N, C-alpha and C. Protein backbone atom coordinates (compact mmCIF):
# COMPACT_ATOMS: atom_id res chain seq x y z
N MET A 1 81.21 -17.77 38.65
CA MET A 1 80.39 -16.64 39.14
C MET A 1 78.86 -17.00 39.51
N GLN A 2 78.53 -16.70 40.77
CA GLN A 2 77.20 -16.81 41.26
C GLN A 2 76.13 -15.93 40.91
N VAL A 3 75.24 -16.27 40.36
CA VAL A 3 74.12 -15.13 39.53
C VAL A 3 72.86 -15.55 40.06
N LEU A 4 72.02 -14.69 40.72
CA LEU A 4 70.75 -14.65 40.97
C LEU A 4 70.05 -14.07 39.91
N ILE A 5 69.08 -14.82 39.32
CA ILE A 5 68.25 -14.20 38.26
C ILE A 5 66.59 -13.87 38.81
N ASP A 6 66.16 -12.82 38.36
CA ASP A 6 64.80 -12.43 38.94
C ASP A 6 63.64 -13.45 38.11
N THR A 7 62.65 -13.11 38.48
CA THR A 7 61.35 -13.84 38.12
C THR A 7 61.25 -13.54 36.47
N GLY A 8 61.31 -12.18 36.38
CA GLY A 8 61.21 -11.79 35.01
C GLY A 8 61.89 -12.21 33.80
N ILE A 9 63.48 -12.38 34.43
CA ILE A 9 64.40 -13.23 33.41
C ILE A 9 63.79 -14.41 32.94
N ILE A 10 62.95 -15.08 33.92
CA ILE A 10 62.76 -16.62 33.75
C ILE A 10 61.48 -16.60 32.84
N LEU A 11 60.50 -15.79 33.25
CA LEU A 11 59.46 -15.93 32.45
C LEU A 11 59.51 -15.51 30.98
N ALA A 12 60.61 -14.39 30.78
CA ALA A 12 60.79 -14.05 29.47
C ALA A 12 61.35 -15.14 28.63
N LEU A 13 61.91 -15.79 29.39
CA LEU A 13 62.97 -16.82 28.65
C LEU A 13 61.63 -18.03 28.21
N LEU A 14 60.72 -18.30 29.18
CA LEU A 14 59.81 -19.42 28.94
C LEU A 14 58.85 -19.01 28.14
N SER A 15 58.35 -17.61 28.10
CA SER A 15 57.49 -16.95 27.10
C SER A 15 57.82 -16.85 25.79
N ARG A 16 58.96 -16.18 25.65
CA ARG A 16 59.67 -15.69 24.12
C ARG A 16 60.37 -16.50 23.65
N GLY A 17 61.03 -17.70 24.51
CA GLY A 17 61.94 -18.34 24.01
C GLY A 17 63.47 -18.16 23.58
N GLU A 18 64.19 -18.87 23.82
CA GLU A 18 65.87 -18.44 23.68
C GLU A 18 66.13 -17.61 22.28
N ARG A 19 65.57 -18.06 21.23
CA ARG A 19 65.66 -17.79 19.57
C ARG A 19 65.26 -16.13 19.84
N GLU A 20 64.02 -15.99 20.34
CA GLU A 20 63.69 -14.21 20.38
C GLU A 20 64.77 -13.49 21.43
N LEU A 21 65.43 -14.07 22.42
CA LEU A 21 66.15 -13.31 23.11
C LEU A 21 67.41 -13.66 23.31
N PRO A 22 68.12 -13.61 22.58
CA PRO A 22 69.68 -14.30 22.49
C PRO A 22 70.43 -13.71 23.71
N GLU A 23 70.37 -12.63 24.26
CA GLU A 23 71.07 -12.49 25.58
C GLU A 23 70.68 -13.54 26.48
N LEU A 24 69.61 -13.94 26.54
CA LEU A 24 69.00 -14.89 27.74
C LEU A 24 69.69 -16.41 27.24
N ALA A 25 69.91 -16.71 25.72
CA ALA A 25 70.28 -17.90 25.39
C ALA A 25 71.52 -17.90 25.83
N GLY A 26 72.27 -16.74 25.72
CA GLY A 26 73.96 -16.59 25.96
C GLY A 26 74.26 -16.62 27.35
N MET A 27 73.25 -16.41 28.11
CA MET A 27 73.36 -16.52 29.76
C MET A 27 73.05 -17.91 30.32
N PHE A 28 72.13 -18.51 29.53
CA PHE A 28 71.71 -19.99 29.79
C PHE A 28 72.99 -20.68 29.24
N SER A 29 73.27 -20.54 28.25
CA SER A 29 74.48 -21.27 27.67
C SER A 29 75.69 -21.44 28.45
N LEU A 30 75.86 -20.24 29.05
CA LEU A 30 77.34 -20.13 30.06
C LEU A 30 76.90 -20.77 31.32
N ALA A 31 75.83 -21.01 31.73
CA ALA A 31 75.37 -21.73 32.70
C ALA A 31 75.18 -23.25 32.47
N GLU A 32 75.05 -23.89 31.32
CA GLU A 32 74.79 -24.74 30.68
C GLU A 32 76.35 -25.41 30.84
N ARG A 33 77.24 -24.72 30.36
CA ARG A 33 78.75 -24.96 30.34
C ARG A 33 79.43 -24.81 31.68
N GLY A 34 78.87 -24.36 32.76
CA GLY A 34 79.24 -24.25 33.82
C GLY A 34 80.24 -22.91 34.22
N ARG A 35 80.12 -22.03 33.12
CA ARG A 35 80.90 -20.86 33.32
C ARG A 35 80.36 -20.11 34.36
N ILE A 36 79.35 -20.02 34.45
CA ILE A 36 78.20 -19.34 35.65
C ILE A 36 77.25 -20.15 36.39
N GLN A 37 76.83 -19.96 37.55
CA GLN A 37 75.78 -20.63 38.34
C GLN A 37 74.89 -19.83 38.20
N LEU A 38 73.55 -20.22 37.79
CA LEU A 38 72.37 -19.49 38.03
C LEU A 38 71.70 -20.10 39.30
N PHE A 39 70.96 -19.13 39.98
CA PHE A 39 70.11 -19.25 41.13
C PHE A 39 68.79 -18.28 40.88
N ALA A 40 67.81 -19.05 41.57
CA ALA A 40 66.52 -18.08 41.83
C ALA A 40 66.07 -18.49 43.14
N SER A 41 65.29 -17.61 43.88
CA SER A 41 64.56 -17.61 45.07
C SER A 41 63.58 -18.56 45.03
N ALA A 42 62.96 -19.09 45.91
CA ALA A 42 62.17 -19.98 45.96
C ALA A 42 60.70 -19.26 45.69
N LEU A 43 60.58 -17.86 46.06
CA LEU A 43 59.51 -16.97 45.62
C LEU A 43 59.39 -17.00 44.24
N SER A 44 60.31 -16.77 43.37
CA SER A 44 60.39 -16.70 42.11
C SER A 44 59.76 -17.84 41.43
N TYR A 45 60.35 -19.33 41.89
CA TYR A 45 59.79 -20.34 41.75
C TYR A 45 58.32 -20.81 41.68
N ALA A 46 57.80 -20.12 42.98
CA ALA A 46 56.62 -20.16 43.15
C ALA A 46 55.79 -19.10 42.04
N ARG A 47 56.30 -17.99 42.00
CA ARG A 47 55.33 -16.99 40.85
C ARG A 47 55.65 -17.93 39.60
N ILE A 48 56.44 -18.44 39.23
CA ILE A 48 56.70 -18.89 37.75
C ILE A 48 55.84 -20.03 37.73
N SER A 49 55.71 -21.22 38.86
CA SER A 49 54.55 -22.23 38.97
C SER A 49 53.24 -21.28 38.70
N ASN A 50 52.96 -20.49 39.31
CA ASN A 50 51.62 -19.78 39.42
C ASN A 50 51.43 -19.40 37.72
N ALA A 51 52.29 -18.94 37.20
CA ALA A 51 52.05 -18.30 35.67
C ALA A 51 51.94 -19.52 34.88
N LEU A 52 52.56 -20.31 34.90
CA LEU A 52 52.58 -21.48 34.32
C LEU A 52 51.41 -22.34 34.13
N SER A 53 50.76 -22.52 35.56
CA SER A 53 49.55 -23.05 35.77
C SER A 53 48.01 -22.39 35.17
N HIS A 54 48.44 -21.09 34.38
CA HIS A 54 47.39 -20.22 33.65
C HIS A 54 47.80 -20.65 32.33
N GLN A 55 48.95 -21.29 31.83
CA GLN A 55 49.28 -21.54 30.33
C GLN A 55 49.40 -22.99 29.99
N LYS A 56 49.63 -23.81 30.94
CA LYS A 56 49.88 -25.08 30.67
C LYS A 56 48.84 -26.11 31.55
N ASN A 57 48.95 -27.28 31.43
CA ASN A 57 48.36 -28.22 32.59
C ASN A 57 49.39 -28.73 33.46
N HIS A 58 48.83 -29.11 34.68
CA HIS A 58 49.74 -29.27 35.59
C HIS A 58 51.02 -30.08 35.55
N THR A 59 50.70 -31.35 34.67
CA THR A 59 52.11 -31.99 34.06
C THR A 59 52.68 -31.48 33.60
N GLU A 60 52.65 -30.69 32.49
CA GLU A 60 53.51 -29.98 31.56
C GLU A 60 54.25 -28.57 32.64
N ALA A 61 53.63 -28.23 33.47
CA ALA A 61 54.24 -27.03 34.25
C ALA A 61 55.04 -27.43 35.02
N LYS A 62 54.80 -28.87 36.01
CA LYS A 62 55.88 -29.40 36.36
C LYS A 62 57.01 -29.82 35.94
N SER A 63 56.90 -30.23 34.71
CA SER A 63 57.89 -30.78 33.74
C SER A 63 58.83 -29.52 33.43
N ILE A 64 58.40 -28.54 33.31
CA ILE A 64 58.97 -27.21 32.92
C ILE A 64 60.02 -26.88 34.01
N LEU A 65 59.32 -26.92 35.35
CA LEU A 65 59.96 -26.75 36.41
C LEU A 65 61.03 -27.42 36.63
N ARG A 66 60.74 -28.88 36.58
CA ARG A 66 61.95 -29.86 36.45
C ARG A 66 63.22 -29.60 35.98
N ARG A 67 62.86 -29.20 34.93
CA ARG A 67 63.84 -29.07 33.63
C ARG A 67 64.89 -27.51 34.37
N LEU A 68 64.13 -26.49 34.18
CA LEU A 68 64.68 -25.32 34.79
C LEU A 68 65.64 -25.60 35.94
N GLN A 69 64.92 -26.26 37.15
CA GLN A 69 65.98 -26.35 38.09
C GLN A 69 67.39 -27.28 37.88
N LEU A 70 67.29 -27.92 37.05
CA LEU A 70 68.50 -28.32 36.42
C LEU A 70 69.71 -27.33 35.98
N ILE A 71 69.33 -26.12 35.55
CA ILE A 71 69.98 -25.03 35.37
C ILE A 71 69.95 -23.77 36.62
N VAL A 72 68.83 -23.65 36.81
CA VAL A 72 68.63 -22.61 37.79
C VAL A 72 68.31 -23.02 39.22
N LYS A 73 69.38 -23.05 40.01
CA LYS A 73 69.10 -23.83 41.36
C LYS A 73 68.34 -22.81 42.57
N ILE A 74 67.37 -23.56 43.13
CA ILE A 74 66.47 -22.89 43.73
C ILE A 74 67.05 -22.78 45.38
N LEU A 75 67.18 -21.12 45.72
CA LEU A 75 67.61 -20.51 46.97
C LEU A 75 66.40 -20.40 47.91
N ASP A 76 66.71 -20.96 49.21
CA ASP A 76 65.56 -21.04 50.06
C ASP A 76 65.37 -19.65 50.34
N LEU A 77 64.04 -19.12 50.80
CA LEU A 77 63.64 -17.96 51.26
C LEU A 77 62.90 -18.11 52.56
N ASP A 78 63.62 -17.72 53.65
CA ASP A 78 63.29 -18.17 54.96
C ASP A 78 62.67 -16.85 55.75
N LYS A 79 62.69 -17.06 57.26
CA LYS A 79 62.01 -16.16 57.92
C LYS A 79 63.14 -15.09 58.09
N LYS A 80 64.33 -15.41 58.35
CA LYS A 80 65.53 -14.38 58.13
C LYS A 80 65.34 -13.37 56.97
N ILE A 81 65.28 -13.78 55.89
CA ILE A 81 65.00 -13.09 54.78
C ILE A 81 63.78 -12.09 54.94
N ILE A 82 63.05 -12.75 55.23
CA ILE A 82 61.65 -11.70 55.12
C ILE A 82 62.02 -10.57 56.29
N ASN A 83 62.53 -11.14 57.18
CA ASN A 83 62.75 -10.15 58.62
C ASN A 83 63.97 -9.15 58.31
N LEU A 84 64.47 -9.55 57.52
CA LEU A 84 65.38 -8.44 56.93
C LEU A 84 64.93 -7.30 55.87
N TYR A 85 64.22 -8.07 55.29
CA TYR A 85 63.52 -7.07 54.17
C TYR A 85 62.65 -6.10 55.01
N LEU A 86 61.67 -6.65 56.14
CA LEU A 86 60.67 -6.10 56.79
C LEU A 86 61.39 -4.91 57.74
N SER A 87 62.70 -5.07 58.21
CA SER A 87 63.52 -4.09 59.09
C SER A 87 64.31 -2.89 58.34
N ASP A 88 64.04 -2.99 57.01
CA ASP A 88 64.79 -2.04 56.25
C ASP A 88 63.80 -1.18 55.29
N ASP A 89 64.14 -0.15 54.81
CA ASP A 89 63.38 0.75 53.81
C ASP A 89 64.20 0.84 52.44
N LEU A 90 65.18 0.06 52.30
CA LEU A 90 65.91 0.30 50.86
C LEU A 90 64.81 -0.06 49.75
N PHE A 91 63.81 -1.08 49.75
CA PHE A 91 63.02 -1.50 48.60
C PHE A 91 61.58 -1.06 49.01
N GLU A 92 61.04 -0.77 48.02
CA GLU A 92 59.44 -0.65 47.96
C GLU A 92 58.96 -1.86 47.49
N ASP A 93 59.74 -2.57 46.64
CA ASP A 93 58.97 -3.56 45.92
C ASP A 93 59.33 -4.90 46.48
N PHE A 94 58.64 -5.74 47.14
CA PHE A 94 58.64 -6.84 47.75
C PHE A 94 59.65 -7.90 47.36
N ASP A 95 59.41 -8.44 46.03
CA ASP A 95 60.32 -9.16 45.19
C ASP A 95 61.56 -8.78 45.07
N GLU A 96 61.72 -7.49 44.78
CA GLU A 96 63.15 -7.08 44.61
C GLU A 96 63.99 -7.23 46.16
N GLY A 97 63.39 -6.76 47.00
CA GLY A 97 63.36 -7.29 48.39
C GLY A 97 63.93 -8.48 48.90
N MET A 98 63.19 -9.49 48.31
CA MET A 98 63.31 -10.67 48.62
C MET A 98 64.76 -11.08 47.94
N ASN A 99 65.09 -10.61 46.64
CA ASN A 99 65.78 -11.17 45.56
C ASN A 99 67.27 -10.48 46.33
N TYR A 100 67.43 -9.48 46.92
CA TYR A 100 68.36 -8.77 47.59
C TYR A 100 68.99 -9.52 48.58
N TYR A 101 68.21 -9.66 49.58
CA TYR A 101 68.30 -10.36 50.85
C TYR A 101 68.92 -11.87 50.43
N THR A 102 68.08 -12.49 49.66
CA THR A 102 68.33 -13.88 49.03
C THR A 102 69.69 -13.93 48.66
N ALA A 103 69.95 -12.95 47.79
CA ALA A 103 71.18 -12.92 46.89
C ALA A 103 72.38 -12.78 48.57
N LEU A 104 72.16 -11.90 49.44
CA LEU A 104 73.28 -11.42 50.29
C LEU A 104 73.36 -12.67 51.17
N GLU A 105 72.21 -13.33 51.52
CA GLU A 105 72.42 -14.45 52.64
C GLU A 105 73.12 -15.73 52.23
N ASN A 106 72.72 -15.64 50.47
CA ASN A 106 73.63 -16.94 50.03
C ASN A 106 75.15 -16.56 49.19
N GLU A 107 75.38 -15.42 49.47
CA GLU A 107 76.84 -14.89 49.19
C GLU A 107 76.67 -15.00 47.37
N VAL A 108 75.66 -14.70 47.01
CA VAL A 108 75.58 -14.73 45.34
C VAL A 108 76.28 -13.21 45.14
N GLU A 109 76.97 -13.35 44.09
CA GLU A 109 78.06 -12.00 43.32
C GLU A 109 76.85 -10.85 42.66
N VAL A 110 76.05 -11.37 41.95
CA VAL A 110 75.64 -10.31 41.23
C VAL A 110 73.61 -10.84 40.99
N ILE A 111 72.71 -9.83 40.92
CA ILE A 111 71.75 -10.09 40.44
C ILE A 111 71.35 -9.47 39.14
N VAL A 112 70.65 -10.39 38.32
CA VAL A 112 70.53 -10.03 36.98
C VAL A 112 68.75 -9.99 36.88
N THR A 113 68.59 -8.78 36.15
CA THR A 113 67.23 -8.68 35.99
C THR A 113 66.83 -7.66 34.60
N PHE A 114 65.95 -7.37 34.31
CA PHE A 114 65.55 -6.42 33.21
C PHE A 114 65.43 -5.10 33.87
N GLY A 115 65.25 -4.93 35.11
CA GLY A 115 64.98 -3.55 35.36
C GLY A 115 65.72 -3.26 36.97
N ALA A 116 66.98 -2.76 36.82
CA ALA A 116 67.55 -2.66 37.79
C ALA A 116 67.45 -1.40 38.84
N GLY A 117 66.62 -0.54 38.22
CA GLY A 117 66.25 0.66 38.85
C GLY A 117 65.87 0.41 40.63
N GLY A 118 65.11 -0.52 40.81
CA GLY A 118 64.62 -0.52 42.03
C GLY A 118 65.92 -0.98 43.19
N TYR A 119 67.02 -1.22 42.51
CA TYR A 119 67.95 -2.09 43.43
C TYR A 119 68.98 -0.74 43.87
N ARG A 120 69.02 0.07 43.32
CA ARG A 120 69.96 1.30 43.17
C ARG A 120 70.58 1.60 44.42
N ARG A 121 69.38 1.93 45.42
CA ARG A 121 69.98 2.46 46.72
C ARG A 121 70.56 1.09 47.49
N SER A 122 70.54 -0.15 47.08
CA SER A 122 71.46 -1.10 47.69
C SER A 122 72.80 -1.01 47.54
N GLY A 123 73.43 -0.60 46.58
CA GLY A 123 74.77 -0.87 46.30
C GLY A 123 75.27 -2.09 45.80
N PHE A 124 74.44 -3.25 45.68
CA PHE A 124 74.61 -4.43 45.38
C PHE A 124 74.59 -4.51 43.71
N PRO A 125 75.72 -5.40 43.24
CA PRO A 125 75.92 -5.35 41.71
C PRO A 125 74.68 -6.11 41.22
N VAL A 126 74.06 -4.91 40.25
CA VAL A 126 72.63 -5.43 39.55
C VAL A 126 72.86 -5.06 37.89
N MET A 127 72.84 -6.49 37.09
CA MET A 127 72.86 -5.95 35.76
C MET A 127 71.83 -6.67 35.06
N THR A 128 71.81 -6.31 33.63
CA THR A 128 70.90 -6.72 32.76
C THR A 128 71.65 -8.22 32.29
N PRO A 129 70.94 -8.87 31.34
CA PRO A 129 71.49 -10.07 30.73
C PRO A 129 72.83 -9.79 29.88
N GLY A 130 72.55 -8.56 29.04
CA GLY A 130 73.48 -8.26 27.99
C GLY A 130 74.86 -7.68 29.02
N GLN A 131 74.63 -7.19 29.98
CA GLN A 131 75.83 -6.72 30.74
C GLN A 131 76.80 -7.75 31.49
N LEU A 132 75.86 -8.55 31.85
CA LEU A 132 76.49 -10.16 32.34
C LEU A 132 77.37 -10.54 31.51
N LEU A 133 76.66 -10.69 30.08
CA LEU A 133 77.43 -11.36 28.80
C LEU A 133 78.71 -10.46 29.01
N GLY A 134 78.51 -9.32 28.66
CA GLY A 134 79.84 -8.40 28.36
C GLY A 134 80.98 -8.66 29.33
N LEU A 135 80.44 -8.60 30.56
CA LEU A 135 81.26 -8.95 31.83
C LEU A 135 82.15 -10.31 31.53
N VAL A 136 81.33 -11.24 31.42
CA VAL A 136 81.98 -12.35 30.94
C VAL A 136 83.01 -12.34 29.99
N ARG A 137 82.73 -11.79 28.64
CA ARG A 137 83.31 -11.86 27.61
C ARG A 137 84.70 -10.84 28.16
N GLU A 138 84.65 -9.71 28.94
CA GLU A 138 85.68 -8.97 29.75
C GLU A 138 86.61 -9.64 30.18
N TYR A 139 86.11 -10.71 31.36
CA TYR A 139 86.86 -11.44 31.93
C TYR A 139 87.55 -12.39 30.83
N ASP A 140 87.01 -12.93 30.05
CA ASP A 140 87.52 -13.92 29.37
C ASP A 140 88.82 -13.45 28.38
N ALA A 141 88.83 -12.30 28.07
CA ALA A 141 89.99 -11.45 27.24
C ALA A 141 91.10 -11.24 28.24
N PHE A 142 90.94 -11.18 29.75
CA PHE A 142 92.31 -11.35 30.54
C PHE A 142 92.80 -12.59 30.47
């Protein structure tokens, strides 16, 4: 299963750690075992880099990003994706629009976020980390 995770998911993991967020730990564990594939948009990586630059020195921030991309693959954000967002009225939030069109253009199956509300009008499968884990468990039961 191909899963696009939003910036908030990654920032939560980096700031609070896996022990405090067991659902995130479970999701990343599934990715490490090859059960799911995690992706993030290039915009998310830029936002994460910016956030890290306020908390870590340059070397530490780059090291974190290098380790992150071993598990969370980077999807391109290009002119087409931006133009798709600019030509519709589905999203008021820029990041949500970028995630939606990045997922759509890259044939990702689901978006995982803490706040699915902004995606309601899109009809795209969006869930929380806990819902994703439940879905994988359900799939495993069959």
